[in-house]
Amino acid sequence: MVTGAKNTKSQMTTIRIPHDVMEGIEQSKDDGESTAGFLVAAARGEIKRRQRRKAKVETPKE
């Protein structure tokens, strides 16, 4: 049963990825890891890095 692009747990999106980046993804994935799983893990890591960087910039040094 198709539920559409958005449900209570996730949202589907379509993106274009340059060929060189896609080749890097394919070479970097663990055995049995899906491309979607790799991209979700990469996005979560990038979100954490940016949040830490933003917090560091906003925290004044004494």
PDB file of N, CA and C in Angstrom:
ATOM      1  N   MET A   1       0.848  -1.184   0.000  1.00  0.00           N
ATOM      2  CA  MET A   1       0.000   0.000   0.000  1.00  0.00           C
ATOM      3  C   MET A   1       0.894   1.249   0.000  1.00  0.00           C
ATOM      4  N   VAL A   2       0.686   2.095  -0.959  1.00  0.00           N
ATOM      5  CA  VAL A   2       1.457   3.328  -1.069  1.00  0.00           C
ATOM      6  C   VAL A   2       0.910   4.357  -0.102  1.00  0.00           C
ATOM      7  N   THR A   3       1.817   5.001   0.654  1.00  0.00           N
ATOM      8  CA  THR A   3       1.364   5.970   1.656  1.00  0.00           C
ATOM      9  C   THR A   3       1.692   7.403   1.271  1.00  0.00           C
ATOM     10  N   GLY A   4       2.338   7.616   0.143  1.00  0.00           N
ATOM     11  CA  GLY A   4       2.696   8.968  -0.265  1.00  0.00           C
ATOM     12  C   GLY A   4       4.123   9.297   0.132  1.00  0.00           C
ATOM     13  N   ALA A   5       4.516  10.534  -0.094  1.00  0.00           N
ATOM     14  CA  ALA A   5       5.895  10.953   0.125  1.00  0.00           C
ATOM     15  C   ALA A   5       6.217  11.222   1.590  1.00  0.00           C
ATOM     16  N   LYS A   6       5.203  11.342   2.436  1.00  0.00           N
ATOM     17  CA  LYS A   6       5.447  11.674   3.844  1.00  0.00           C
ATOM     18  C   LYS A   6       4.516  10.855   4.720  1.00  0.00           C
ATOM     19  N   ASN A   7       5.094  10.272   5.794  1.00  0.00           N
ATOM     20  CA  ASN A   7       4.261   9.582   6.765  1.00  0.00           C
ATOM     21  C   ASN A   7       4.736   9.988   8.154  1.00  0.00           C
ATOM     22  N   THR A   8       4.316   9.260   9.185  1.00  0.00           N
ATOM     23  CA  THR A   8       4.653   9.664  10.551  1.00  0.00           C
ATOM     24  C   THR A   8       6.107   9.396  10.923  1.00  0.00           C
ATOM     25  N   LYS A   9       6.820   8.558  10.139  1.00  0.00           N
ATOM     26  CA  LYS A   9       8.197   8.212  10.477  1.00  0.00           C
ATOM     27  C   LYS A   9       9.237   8.815   9.545  1.00  0.00           C
ATOM     28  N   SER A  10       8.870   9.133   8.325  1.00  0.00           N
ATOM     29  CA  SER A  10       9.875   9.594   7.376  1.00  0.00           C
ATOM     30  C   SER A  10       9.249  10.399   6.247  1.00  0.00           C
ATOM     31  N   GLN A  11      10.144  11.005   5.468  1.00  0.00           N
ATOM     32  CA  GLN A  11       9.724  11.763   4.299  1.00  0.00           C
ATOM     33  C   GLN A  11      10.616  11.368   3.138  1.00  0.00           C
ATOM     34  N   MET A  12      10.030  11.103   1.988  1.00  0.00           N
ATOM     35  CA  MET A  12      10.784  10.726   0.811  1.00  0.00           C
ATOM     36  C   MET A  12      11.121  11.985   0.015  1.00  0.00           C
ATOM     37  N   THR A  13      12.355  12.022  -0.484  1.00  0.00           N
ATOM     38  CA  THR A  13      12.771  13.141  -1.310  1.00  0.00           C
ATOM     39  C   THR A  13      13.560  12.596  -2.496  1.00  0.00           C
ATOM     40  N   THR A  14      13.599  13.323  -3.562  1.00  0.00           N
ATOM     41  CA  THR A  14      14.355  12.933  -4.744  1.00  0.00           C
ATOM     42  C   THR A  14      15.442  13.960  -4.970  1.00  0.00           C
ATOM     43  N   ILE A  15      16.677  13.479  -5.137  1.00  0.00           N
ATOM     44  CA  ILE A  15      17.799  14.382  -5.372  1.00  0.00           C
ATOM     45  C   ILE A  15      18.662  13.849  -6.507  1.00  0.00           C
ATOM     46  N   ARG A  16      19.453  14.743  -7.080  1.00  0.00           N
ATOM     47  CA  ARG A  16      20.444  14.334  -8.075  1.00  0.00           C
ATOM     48  C   ARG A  16      21.808  14.417  -7.408  1.00  0.00           C
ATOM     49  N   ILE A  17      22.604  13.375  -7.586  1.00  0.00           N
ATOM     50  CA  ILE A  17      23.931  13.309  -6.994  1.00  0.00           C
ATOM     51  C   ILE A  17      24.934  13.212  -8.140  1.00  0.00           C
ATOM     52  N   PRO A  18      25.967  14.055  -8.134  1.00  0.00           N
ATOM     53  CA  PRO A  18      26.973  13.971  -9.192  1.00  0.00           C
ATOM     54  C   PRO A  18      27.577  12.561  -9.256  1.00  0.00           C
ATOM     55  N   HIS A  19      27.965  12.147 -10.462  1.00  0.00           N
ATOM     56  CA  HIS A  19      28.488  10.795 -10.664  1.00  0.00           C
ATOM     57  C   HIS A  19      29.699  10.494  -9.785  1.00  0.00           C
ATOM     58  N   ASP A  20      30.610  11.470  -9.637  1.00  0.00           N
ATOM     59  CA  ASP A  20      31.809  11.217  -8.835  1.00  0.00           C
ATOM     60  C   ASP A  20      31.459  10.996  -7.365  1.00  0.00           C
ATOM     61  N   VAL A  21      30.459  11.714  -6.865  1.00  0.00           N
ATOM     62  CA  VAL A  21      30.033  11.533  -5.481  1.00  0.00           C
ATOM     63  C   VAL A  21      29.361  10.173  -5.325  1.00  0.00           C
ATOM     64  N   MET A  22      28.558   9.785  -6.288  1.00  0.00           N
ATOM     65  CA  MET A  22      27.880   8.485  -6.227  1.00  0.00           C
ATOM     66  C   MET A  22      28.894   7.357  -6.250  1.00  0.00           C
ATOM     67  N   GLU A  23      29.942   7.494  -7.042  1.00  0.00           N
ATOM     68  CA  GLU A  23      30.992   6.476  -7.078  1.00  0.00           C
ATOM     69  C   GLU A  23      31.678   6.378  -5.711  1.00  0.00           C
ATOM     70  N   GLY A  24      31.923   7.527  -5.078  1.00  0.00           N
ATOM     71  CA  GLY A  24      32.521   7.537  -3.750  1.00  0.00           C
ATOM     72  C   GLY A  24      31.623   6.881  -2.722  1.00  0.00           C
ATOM     73  N   ILE A  25      30.331   7.112  -2.829  1.00  0.00           N
ATOM     74  CA  ILE A  25      29.370   6.479  -1.919  1.00  0.00           C
ATOM     75  C   ILE A  25      29.430   4.970  -2.086  1.00  0.00           C
ATOM     76  N   GLU A  26      29.381   4.512  -3.316  1.00  0.00           N
ATOM     77  CA  GLU A  26      29.394   3.074  -3.585  1.00  0.00           C
ATOM     78  C   GLU A  26      30.673   2.426  -3.063  1.00  0.00           C
ATOM     79  N   GLN A  27      31.800   3.111  -3.169  1.00  0.00           N
ATOM     80  CA  GLN A  27      33.072   2.569  -2.694  1.00  0.00           C
ATOM     81  C   GLN A  27      33.155   2.593  -1.170  1.00  0.00           C
ATOM     82  N   SER A  28      32.440   3.512  -0.532  1.00  0.00           N
ATOM     83  CA  SER A  28      32.556   3.709   0.910  1.00  0.00           C
ATOM     84  C   SER A  28      31.538   2.937   1.729  1.00  0.00           C
ATOM     85  N   LYS A  29      30.466   2.478   1.109  1.00  0.00           N
ATOM     86  CA  LYS A  29      29.424   1.765   1.848  1.00  0.00           C
ATOM     87  C   LYS A  29      29.964   0.472   2.433  1.00  0.00           C
ATOM     88  N   ASP A  30      29.476   0.112   3.611  1.00  0.00           N
ATOM     89  CA  ASP A  30      29.805  -1.167   4.216  1.00  0.00           C
ATOM     90  C   ASP A  30      29.062  -2.282   3.483  1.00  0.00           C
ATOM     91  N   ASP A  31      29.553  -3.502   3.615  1.00  0.00           N
ATOM     92  CA  ASP A  31      28.873  -4.646   2.990  1.00  0.00           C
ATOM     93  C   ASP A  31      27.442  -4.737   3.499  1.00  0.00           C
ATOM     94  N   GLY A  32      26.497  -4.844   2.592  1.00  0.00           N
ATOM     95  CA  GLY A  32      25.096  -4.967   2.949  1.00  0.00           C
ATOM     96  C   GLY A  32      24.402  -3.655   3.265  1.00  0.00           C
ATOM     97  N   GLU A  33      25.141  -2.560   3.288  1.00  0.00           N
ATOM     98  CA  GLU A  33      24.542  -1.256   3.600  1.00  0.00           C
ATOM     99  C   GLU A  33      23.856  -0.690   2.363  1.00  0.00           C
ATOM    100  N   SER A  34      22.668  -0.170   2.540  1.00  0.00           N
ATOM    101  CA  SER A  34      21.955   0.437   1.418  1.00  0.00           C
ATOM    102  C   SER A  34      22.447   1.859   1.196  1.00  0.00           C
ATOM    103  N   THR A  35      22.221   2.352   0.000  1.00  0.00           N
ATOM    104  CA  THR A  35      22.580   3.738  -0.299  1.00  0.00           C
ATOM    105  C   THR A  35      21.775   4.682   0.586  1.00  0.00           C
ATOM    106  N   ALA A  36      20.509   4.374   0.800  1.00  0.00           N
ATOM    107  CA  ALA A  36      19.674   5.213   1.662  1.00  0.00           C
ATOM    108  C   ALA A  36      20.219   5.237   3.086  1.00  0.00           C
ATOM    109  N   GLY A  37      20.622   4.085   3.597  1.00  0.00           N
ATOM    110  CA  GLY A  37      21.193   4.021   4.941  1.00  0.00           C
ATOM    111  C   GLY A  37      22.467   4.834   5.049  1.00  0.00           C
ATOM    112  N   PHE A  38      23.315   4.749   4.028  1.00  0.00           N
ATOM    113  CA  PHE A  38      24.552   5.514   4.003  1.00  0.00           C
ATOM    114  C   PHE A  38      24.245   7.010   4.014  1.00  0.00           C
ATOM    115  N   LEU A  39      23.308   7.437   3.177  1.00  0.00           N
ATOM    116  CA  LEU A  39      22.979   8.859   3.079  1.00  0.00           C
ATOM    117  C   LEU A  39      22.350   9.382   4.367  1.00  0.00           C
ATOM    118  N   VAL A  40      21.510   8.593   5.011  1.00  0.00           N
ATOM    119  CA  VAL A  40      20.907   9.012   6.282  1.00  0.00           C
ATOM    120  C   VAL A  40      21.986   9.161   7.347  1.00  0.00           C
ATOM    121  N   ALA A  41      22.910   8.193   7.422  1.00  0.00           N
ATOM    122  CA  ALA A  41      24.002   8.274   8.403  1.00  0.00           C
ATOM    123  C   ALA A  41      24.884   9.490   8.121  1.00  0.00           C
ATOM    124  N   ALA A  42      25.176   9.733   6.848  1.00  0.00           N
ATOM    125  CA  ALA A  42      26.003  10.883   6.484  1.00  0.00           C
ATOM    126  C   ALA A  42      25.305  12.195   6.835  1.00  0.00           C
ATOM    127  N   ALA A  43      24.009  12.272   6.575  1.00  0.00           N
ATOM    128  CA  ALA A  43      23.263  13.494   6.885  1.00  0.00           C
ATOM    129  C   ALA A  43      23.206  13.717   8.396  1.00  0.00           C
ATOM    130  N   ARG A  44      23.001  12.659   9.165  1.00  0.00           N
ATOM    131  CA  ARG A  44      22.977  12.806  10.627  1.00  0.00           C
ATOM    132  C   ARG A  44      24.326  13.300  11.147  1.00  0.00           C
ATOM    133  N   GLY A  45      25.408  12.760  10.603  1.00  0.00           N
ATOM    134  CA  GLY A  45      26.739  13.206  11.011  1.00  0.00           C
ATOM    135  C   GLY A  45      26.978  14.665  10.667  1.00  0.00           C
ATOM    136  N   GLU A  46      26.550  15.087   9.486  1.00  0.00           N
ATOM    137  CA  GLU A  46      26.724  16.478   9.078  1.00  0.00           C
ATOM    138  C   GLU A  46      25.881  17.414   9.941  1.00  0.00           C
ATOM    139  N   ILE A  47      24.676  17.000  10.285  1.00  0.00           N
ATOM    140  CA  ILE A  47      23.823  17.815  11.161  1.00  0.00           C
ATOM    141  C   ILE A  47      24.512  18.020  12.504  1.00  0.00           C
ATOM    142  N   LYS A  48      25.061  16.953  13.082  1.00  0.00           N
ATOM    143  CA  LYS A  48      25.758  17.068  14.371  1.00  0.00           C
ATOM    144  C   LYS A  48      26.965  17.987  14.264  1.00  0.00           C
ATOM    145  N   ARG A  49      27.761  17.856  13.192  1.00  0.00           N
ATOM    146  CA  ARG A  49      28.936  18.722  13.010  1.00  0.00           C
ATOM    147  C   ARG A  49      28.529  20.188  12.934  1.00  0.00           C
ATOM    148  N   ARG A  50      27.500  20.464  12.180  1.00  0.00           N
ATOM    149  CA  ARG A  50      27.061  21.858  12.026  1.00  0.00           C
ATOM    150  C   ARG A  50      26.485  22.411  13.322  1.00  0.00           C
ATOM    151  N   GLN A  51      25.763  21.582  14.076  1.00  0.00           N
ATOM    152  CA  GLN A  51      25.226  22.040  15.357  1.00  0.00           C
ATOM    153  C   GLN A  51      26.349  22.354  16.330  1.00  0.00           C
ATOM    154  N   ARG A  52      27.387  21.500  16.368  1.00  0.00           N
ATOM    155  CA  ARG A  52      28.531  21.761  17.251  1.00  0.00           C
ATOM    156  C   ARG A  52      29.259  23.029  16.827  1.00  0.00           C
ATOM    157  N   ARG A  53      29.458  23.207  15.519  1.00  0.00           N
ATOM    158  CA  ARG A  53      30.145  24.397  15.014  1.00  0.00           C
ATOM    159  C   ARG A  53      29.352  25.653  15.342  1.00  0.00           C
ATOM    160  N   LYS A  54      28.041  25.597  15.163  1.00  0.00           N
ATOM    161  CA  LYS A  54      27.190  26.749  15.458  1.00  0.00           C
ATOM    162  C   LYS A  54      27.224  27.076  16.950  1.00  0.00           C
ATOM    163  N   ALA A  55      27.164  26.050  17.796  1.00  0.00           N
ATOM    164  CA  ALA A  55      27.209  26.273  19.240  1.00  0.00           C
ATOM    165  C   ALA A  55      28.545  26.865  19.649  1.00  0.00           C
ATOM    166  N   LYS A  56      29.622  26.423  19.030  1.00  0.00           N
ATOM    167  CA  LYS A  56      30.952  26.939  19.343  1.00  0.00           C
ATOM    168  C   LYS A  56      31.070  28.417  18.957  1.00  0.00           C
ATOM    169  N   VAL A  57      30.513  28.796  17.823  1.00  0.00           N
ATOM    170  CA  VAL A  57      30.551  30.181  17.356  1.00  0.00           C
ATOM    171  C   VAL A  57      29.698  31.078  18.255  1.00  0.00           C
ATOM    172  N   GLU A  58      28.563  30.558  18.709  1.00  0.00           N
ATOM    173  CA  GLU A  58      27.632  31.361  19.523  1.00  0.00           C
ATOM    174  C   GLU A  58      28.048  31.450  20.989  1.00  0.00           C
ATOM    175  N   THR A  59      28.929  30.573  21.454  1.00  0.00           N
ATOM    176  CA  THR A  59      29.364  30.595  22.845  1.00  0.00           C
ATOM    177  C   THR A  59      30.542  31.542  22.993  1.00  0.00           C
ATOM    178  N   PRO A  60      30.358  32.647  23.720  1.00  0.00           N
ATOM    179  CA  PRO A  60      31.470  33.599  23.875  1.00  0.00           C
ATOM    180  C   PRO A  60      32.552  33.041  24.787  1.00  0.00           C
ATOM    181  N   LYS A  61      33.796  33.329  24.438  1.00  0.00           N
ATOM    182  CA  LYS A  61      34.920  32.908  25.266  1.00  0.00           C
ATOM    183  C   LYS A  61      35.108  33.908  26.390  1.00  0.00           C
ATOM    184  N   GLU A  62      35.485  33.430  27.560  1.00  0.00           N
ATOM    185  CA  GLU A  62      35.681  34.308  28.720  1.00  0.00           C
ATOM    186  C   GLU A  62      37.114  34.728  28.830  1.00  0.00           C
TER     187      GLU A  62
END
